[in-house]
Amino acid sequence: MSVNLKKLLTDFFILMALTTNISFIVSPNMVELVIVVAMNLAATILKIGESRMLSAEQMAASLAADLHLVPALFFFALGDAPEGVGLAWGALAANVVSVILAIVDVVLATQTELEEY
């Protein structure tokens, strides 16, 4: 059983985006928000060119999170912390969907591999 490095990194950044997003919502500060945006953008970039079963859906969820977090960064930097945190909640929903899709994708890929044997 070989390890696909790109898949490993993509899944890692998907989980990091989710967990750092939760951390920001619990304890909002600018440094944490910058880390959340970086993790999410890394996950999105790694999803480009993916050929998994649910890659389009995962890319859509990642882009939805990005389109919440980038404005959240601007609002938070301009002093509107409640709006920044509110947008981070939207990104959290998209990140949860992304993790669920990653899990479903692994299950489907495993089933396909088992059927080939």
N, C-alpha and C. Protein backbone atom coordinates (compact mmCIF):
# COMPACT_ATOMS: atom_id res chain seq x y z
N MET A 1 0.85 -1.18 0.00
CA MET A 1 0.00 0.00 0.00
C MET A 1 0.89 1.23 0.00
N SER A 2 0.79 2.03 -1.05
CA SER A 2 1.62 3.22 -1.16
C SER A 2 0.85 4.44 -0.67
N VAL A 3 1.60 5.43 -0.27
CA VAL A 3 1.00 6.66 0.22
C VAL A 3 1.12 7.72 -0.87
N ASN A 4 0.00 8.31 -1.22
CA ASN A 4 -0.02 9.40 -2.19
C ASN A 4 0.28 10.68 -1.42
N LEU A 5 1.46 11.26 -1.65
CA LEU A 5 1.91 12.43 -0.89
C LEU A 5 0.98 13.63 -1.08
N LYS A 6 0.52 13.87 -2.30
CA LYS A 6 -0.37 15.01 -2.53
C LYS A 6 -1.68 14.83 -1.79
N LYS A 7 -2.22 13.62 -1.80
CA LYS A 7 -3.46 13.36 -1.07
C LYS A 7 -3.25 13.54 0.43
N LEU A 8 -2.12 13.06 0.92
CA LEU A 8 -1.80 13.22 2.33
C LEU A 8 -1.72 14.70 2.72
N LEU A 9 -1.01 15.49 1.92
CA LEU A 9 -0.89 16.92 2.21
C LEU A 9 -2.22 17.64 2.09
N THR A 10 -3.00 17.28 1.08
CA THR A 10 -4.31 17.90 0.91
C THR A 10 -5.20 17.61 2.11
N ASP A 11 -5.26 16.36 2.52
CA ASP A 11 -6.09 16.00 3.67
C ASP A 11 -5.58 16.66 4.95
N PHE A 12 -4.26 16.76 5.10
CA PHE A 12 -3.68 17.44 6.25
C PHE A 12 -4.14 18.89 6.31
N PHE A 13 -4.04 19.60 5.19
CA PHE A 13 -4.42 21.01 5.19
C PHE A 13 -5.93 21.20 5.33
N ILE A 14 -6.73 20.24 4.84
CA ILE A 14 -8.18 20.31 5.06
C ILE A 14 -8.47 20.26 6.56
N LEU A 15 -7.82 19.32 7.25
CA LEU A 15 -8.03 19.21 8.70
C LEU A 15 -7.46 20.40 9.46
N MET A 16 -6.31 20.90 9.03
CA MET A 16 -5.73 22.07 9.69
C MET A 16 -6.62 23.30 9.50
N ALA A 17 -7.20 23.43 8.32
CA ALA A 17 -8.11 24.56 8.07
C ALA A 17 -9.30 24.49 9.02
N LEU A 18 -9.84 23.30 9.20
CA LEU A 18 -10.98 23.13 10.10
C LEU A 18 -10.60 23.43 11.55
N THR A 19 -9.52 22.84 12.01
CA THR A 19 -9.17 22.98 13.43
C THR A 19 -8.70 24.39 13.77
N THR A 20 -7.96 25.03 12.87
CA THR A 20 -7.55 26.41 13.16
C THR A 20 -8.72 27.37 13.07
N ASN A 21 -9.69 27.05 12.22
CA ASN A 21 -10.90 27.87 12.15
C ASN A 21 -11.66 27.81 13.48
N ILE A 22 -11.79 26.61 14.02
CA ILE A 22 -12.45 26.46 15.32
C ILE A 22 -11.68 27.23 16.39
N SER A 23 -10.38 27.12 16.36
CA SER A 23 -9.55 27.82 17.34
C SER A 23 -9.73 29.33 17.24
N PHE A 24 -9.82 29.87 16.02
CA PHE A 24 -10.05 31.31 15.86
C PHE A 24 -11.40 31.72 16.42
N ILE A 25 -12.43 30.94 16.16
CA ILE A 25 -13.77 31.29 16.65
C ILE A 25 -13.80 31.30 18.17
N VAL A 26 -13.11 30.35 18.80
CA VAL A 26 -13.08 30.26 20.26
C VAL A 26 -12.25 31.40 20.85
N SER A 27 -11.14 31.73 20.21
CA SER A 27 -10.23 32.75 20.74
C SER A 27 -9.79 33.68 19.60
N PRO A 28 -10.65 34.63 19.20
CA PRO A 28 -10.35 35.44 18.02
C PRO A 28 -9.17 36.40 18.23
N ASN A 29 -8.18 36.25 17.35
CA ASN A 29 -7.09 37.23 17.28
C ASN A 29 -6.52 37.22 15.87
N MET A 30 -5.83 38.29 15.51
CA MET A 30 -5.39 38.49 14.13
C MET A 30 -4.40 37.41 13.68
N VAL A 31 -3.49 37.03 14.53
CA VAL A 31 -2.50 36.01 14.14
C VAL A 31 -3.19 34.71 13.79
N GLU A 32 -4.13 34.31 14.61
CA GLU A 32 -4.84 33.06 14.37
C GLU A 32 -5.65 33.13 13.07
N LEU A 33 -6.24 34.28 12.79
CA LEU A 33 -7.02 34.43 11.56
C LEU A 33 -6.11 34.35 10.34
N VAL A 34 -4.93 34.94 10.41
CA VAL A 34 -3.98 34.84 9.29
C VAL A 34 -3.59 33.38 9.06
N ILE A 35 -3.39 32.63 10.14
CA ILE A 35 -3.06 31.21 10.02
C ILE A 35 -4.22 30.44 9.39
N VAL A 36 -5.44 30.76 9.80
CA VAL A 36 -6.63 30.10 9.23
C VAL A 36 -6.69 30.35 7.73
N VAL A 37 -6.51 31.60 7.33
CA VAL A 37 -6.56 31.93 5.90
C VAL A 37 -5.46 31.19 5.15
N ALA A 38 -4.25 31.15 5.70
CA ALA A 38 -3.14 30.45 5.04
C ALA A 38 -3.43 28.96 4.89
N MET A 39 -3.94 28.32 5.95
CA MET A 39 -4.25 26.89 5.90
C MET A 39 -5.32 26.62 4.84
N ASN A 40 -6.34 27.46 4.83
CA ASN A 40 -7.44 27.25 3.88
C ASN A 40 -6.97 27.46 2.45
N LEU A 41 -6.18 28.50 2.21
CA LEU A 41 -5.67 28.74 0.85
C LEU A 41 -4.74 27.61 0.41
N ALA A 42 -3.94 27.08 1.32
CA ALA A 42 -3.08 25.94 0.99
C ALA A 42 -3.92 24.73 0.61
N ALA A 43 -4.98 24.48 1.37
CA ALA A 43 -5.87 23.35 1.04
C ALA A 43 -6.51 23.54 -0.33
N THR A 44 -6.92 24.76 -0.63
CA THR A 44 -7.54 25.04 -1.92
C THR A 44 -6.55 24.84 -3.06
N ILE A 45 -5.34 25.35 -2.89
CA ILE A 45 -4.32 25.21 -3.94
C ILE A 45 -3.99 23.74 -4.18
N LEU A 46 -3.90 22.96 -3.11
CA LEU A 46 -3.59 21.54 -3.27
C LEU A 46 -4.72 20.77 -3.94
N LYS A 47 -5.94 21.28 -3.87
CA LYS A 47 -7.08 20.60 -4.50
C LYS A 47 -7.13 20.83 -6.00
N ILE A 48 -6.37 21.81 -6.50
CA ILE A 48 -6.35 22.08 -7.93
C ILE A 48 -5.76 20.88 -8.66
N GLY A 49 -6.47 20.40 -9.67
CA GLY A 49 -5.99 19.27 -10.46
C GLY A 49 -6.25 17.91 -9.85
N GLU A 50 -6.97 17.86 -8.74
CA GLU A 50 -7.28 16.58 -8.11
C GLU A 50 -8.19 15.77 -9.03
N SER A 51 -8.04 14.47 -8.98
CA SER A 51 -8.89 13.60 -9.80
C SER A 51 -9.63 12.59 -8.93
N ARG A 52 -9.96 13.02 -7.73
CA ARG A 52 -10.74 12.14 -6.85
C ARG A 52 -12.19 12.14 -7.30
N MET A 53 -12.97 11.25 -6.69
CA MET A 53 -14.37 11.12 -7.08
C MET A 53 -15.17 12.38 -6.77
N LEU A 54 -14.88 13.01 -5.65
CA LEU A 54 -15.65 14.18 -5.22
C LEU A 54 -14.81 15.46 -5.26
N SER A 55 -13.86 15.52 -6.19
CA SER A 55 -12.93 16.65 -6.21
C SER A 55 -13.62 17.98 -6.51
N ALA A 56 -14.62 17.99 -7.38
CA ALA A 56 -15.32 19.24 -7.69
C ALA A 56 -16.08 19.75 -6.48
N GLU A 57 -16.70 18.84 -5.75
CA GLU A 57 -17.45 19.23 -4.56
C GLU A 57 -16.51 19.74 -3.47
N GLN A 58 -15.35 19.08 -3.33
CA GLN A 58 -14.37 19.52 -2.34
C GLN A 58 -13.80 20.89 -2.70
N MET A 59 -13.57 21.12 -3.98
CA MET A 59 -13.07 22.43 -4.41
C MET A 59 -14.12 23.51 -4.14
N ALA A 60 -15.38 23.20 -4.38
CA ALA A 60 -16.45 24.18 -4.12
C ALA A 60 -16.52 24.52 -2.64
N ALA A 61 -16.42 23.53 -1.78
CA ALA A 61 -16.46 23.77 -0.34
C ALA A 61 -15.26 24.60 0.10
N SER A 62 -14.11 24.32 -0.46
CA SER A 62 -12.90 25.06 -0.11
C SER A 62 -12.99 26.51 -0.58
N LEU A 63 -13.49 26.72 -1.78
CA LEU A 63 -13.66 28.09 -2.28
C LEU A 63 -14.68 28.87 -1.45
N ALA A 64 -15.73 28.20 -1.01
CA ALA A 64 -16.72 28.85 -0.16
C ALA A 64 -16.07 29.31 1.15
N ALA A 65 -15.23 28.46 1.73
CA ALA A 65 -14.52 28.84 2.96
C ALA A 65 -13.58 30.01 2.70
N ASP A 66 -12.86 29.96 1.57
CA ASP A 66 -11.95 31.06 1.22
C ASP A 66 -12.72 32.38 1.09
N LEU A 67 -13.87 32.31 0.45
CA LEU A 67 -14.66 33.53 0.23
C LEU A 67 -15.34 34.03 1.49
N HIS A 68 -15.26 33.29 2.57
CA HIS A 68 -15.67 33.78 3.88
C HIS A 68 -14.48 34.31 4.67
N LEU A 69 -13.35 33.61 4.56
CA LEU A 69 -12.20 33.95 5.40
C LEU A 69 -11.45 35.19 4.93
N VAL A 70 -11.33 35.38 3.64
CA VAL A 70 -10.60 36.56 3.15
C VAL A 70 -11.33 37.85 3.58
N PRO A 71 -12.64 37.96 3.37
CA PRO A 71 -13.33 39.16 3.90
C PRO A 71 -13.27 39.23 5.43
N ALA A 72 -13.30 38.08 6.10
CA ALA A 72 -13.21 38.07 7.57
C ALA A 72 -11.90 38.72 8.00
N LEU A 73 -10.84 38.44 7.27
CA LEU A 73 -9.53 39.03 7.58
C LEU A 73 -9.59 40.55 7.46
N PHE A 74 -10.22 41.05 6.41
CA PHE A 74 -10.33 42.50 6.23
C PHE A 74 -11.20 43.14 7.31
N PHE A 75 -12.35 42.54 7.58
CA PHE A 75 -13.22 43.10 8.63
C PHE A 75 -12.52 43.11 9.98
N PHE A 76 -11.85 42.01 10.30
CA PHE A 76 -11.16 41.91 11.59
C PHE A 76 -10.05 42.95 11.67
N ALA A 77 -9.30 43.13 10.58
CA ALA A 77 -8.21 44.10 10.56
C ALA A 77 -8.72 45.53 10.68
N LEU A 78 -9.93 45.77 10.17
CA LEU A 78 -10.52 47.11 10.25
C LEU A 78 -11.25 47.37 11.56
N GLY A 79 -11.19 46.40 12.47
CA GLY A 79 -11.77 46.60 13.79
C GLY A 79 -13.17 46.07 14.00
N ASP A 80 -13.73 45.43 12.99
CA ASP A 80 -15.08 44.86 13.13
C ASP A 80 -14.94 43.36 13.45
N ALA A 81 -14.51 43.06 14.67
CA ALA A 81 -14.28 41.67 15.08
C ALA A 81 -15.53 40.81 15.00
N PRO A 82 -16.71 41.30 15.44
CA PRO A 82 -17.90 40.44 15.35
C PRO A 82 -18.22 40.00 13.92
N GLU A 83 -18.03 40.89 12.96
CA GLU A 83 -18.28 40.52 11.56
C GLU A 83 -17.25 39.51 11.08
N GLY A 84 -15.99 39.68 11.48
CA GLY A 84 -14.94 38.73 11.12
C GLY A 84 -15.22 37.35 11.68
N VAL A 85 -15.64 37.30 12.95
CA VAL A 85 -15.96 36.01 13.57
C VAL A 85 -17.20 35.40 12.91
N GLY A 86 -18.17 36.24 12.58
CA GLY A 86 -19.37 35.74 11.90
C GLY A 86 -19.04 35.10 10.57
N LEU A 87 -18.17 35.72 9.80
CA LEU A 87 -17.76 35.13 8.54
C LEU A 87 -16.95 33.84 8.75
N ALA A 88 -16.19 33.80 9.84
CA ALA A 88 -15.43 32.58 10.15
C ALA A 88 -16.38 31.42 10.46
N TRP A 89 -17.55 31.71 11.04
CA TRP A 89 -18.54 30.66 11.27
C TRP A 89 -19.01 30.08 9.93
N GLY A 90 -19.21 30.93 8.94
CA GLY A 90 -19.59 30.45 7.61
C GLY A 90 -18.51 29.58 7.01
N ALA A 91 -17.26 29.99 7.18
CA ALA A 91 -16.14 29.20 6.69
C ALA A 91 -16.06 27.86 7.43
N LEU A 92 -16.39 27.87 8.72
CA LEU A 92 -16.40 26.63 9.49
C LEU A 92 -17.39 25.63 8.91
N ALA A 93 -18.56 26.11 8.53
CA ALA A 93 -19.55 25.22 7.93
C ALA A 93 -19.00 24.61 6.63
N ALA A 94 -18.35 25.43 5.81
CA ALA A 94 -17.78 24.92 4.57
C ALA A 94 -16.64 23.94 4.85
N ASN A 95 -15.84 24.20 5.89
CA ASN A 95 -14.75 23.30 6.24
C ASN A 95 -15.26 21.96 6.76
N VAL A 96 -16.35 21.98 7.49
CA VAL A 96 -16.96 20.73 7.96
C VAL A 96 -17.42 19.91 6.76
N VAL A 97 -18.06 20.57 5.80
CA VAL A 97 -18.50 19.88 4.58
C VAL A 97 -17.29 19.30 3.85
N SER A 98 -16.20 20.05 3.79
CA SER A 98 -15.00 19.58 3.11
C SER A 98 -14.43 18.33 3.77
N VAL A 99 -14.40 18.30 5.10
CA VAL A 99 -13.91 17.12 5.81
C VAL A 99 -14.83 15.93 5.58
N ILE A 100 -16.13 16.15 5.64
CA ILE A 100 -17.09 15.06 5.38
C ILE A 100 -16.90 14.51 3.97
N LEU A 101 -16.73 15.39 2.99
CA LEU A 101 -16.51 14.94 1.61
C LEU A 101 -15.20 14.16 1.49
N ALA A 102 -14.17 14.57 2.21
CA ALA A 102 -12.90 13.84 2.17
C ALA A 102 -13.07 12.43 2.73
N ILE A 103 -13.84 12.31 3.80
CA ILE A 103 -14.10 10.99 4.40
C ILE A 103 -14.90 10.12 3.45
N VAL A 104 -15.93 10.69 2.85
CA VAL A 104 -16.76 9.94 1.89
C VAL A 104 -15.91 9.51 0.70
N ASP A 105 -15.02 10.38 0.25
CA ASP A 105 -14.15 10.06 -0.87
C ASP A 105 -13.24 8.87 -0.55
N VAL A 106 -12.71 8.84 0.66
CA VAL A 106 -11.86 7.71 1.07
C VAL A 106 -12.67 6.41 1.10
N VAL A 107 -13.88 6.48 1.61
CA VAL A 107 -14.73 5.28 1.66
C VAL A 107 -15.05 4.79 0.25
N LEU A 108 -15.39 5.71 -0.64
CA LEU A 108 -15.69 5.32 -2.03
C LEU A 108 -14.46 4.74 -2.73
N ALA A 109 -13.31 5.35 -2.51
CA ALA A 109 -12.08 4.85 -3.12
C ALA A 109 -11.74 3.46 -2.59
N THR A 110 -11.95 3.23 -1.29
CA THR A 110 -11.69 1.93 -0.70
C THR A 110 -12.62 0.88 -1.29
N GLN A 111 -13.89 1.23 -1.43
CA GLN A 111 -14.85 0.30 -2.03
C GLN A 111 -14.44 -0.06 -3.45
N THR A 112 -14.02 0.92 -4.20
CA THR A 112 -13.60 0.69 -5.59
C THR A 112 -12.40 -0.24 -5.64
N GLU A 113 -11.43 -0.01 -4.74
CA GLU A 113 -10.25 -0.87 -4.69
C GLU A 113 -10.63 -2.31 -4.31
N LEU A 114 -11.55 -2.45 -3.37
CA LEU A 114 -11.97 -3.79 -2.95
C LEU A 114 -12.71 -4.52 -4.05
N GLU A 115 -13.50 -3.79 -4.84
CA GLU A 115 -14.23 -4.41 -5.94
C GLU A 115 -13.30 -4.87 -7.05
N GLU A 116 -12.15 -4.22 -7.17
CA GLU A 116 -11.20 -4.61 -8.21
C GLU A 116 -10.51 -5.93 -7.89
N TYR A 117 -10.48 -6.32 -6.62
CA TYR A 117 -9.84 -7.57 -6.23
C TYR A 117 -10.75 -8.69 -6.45
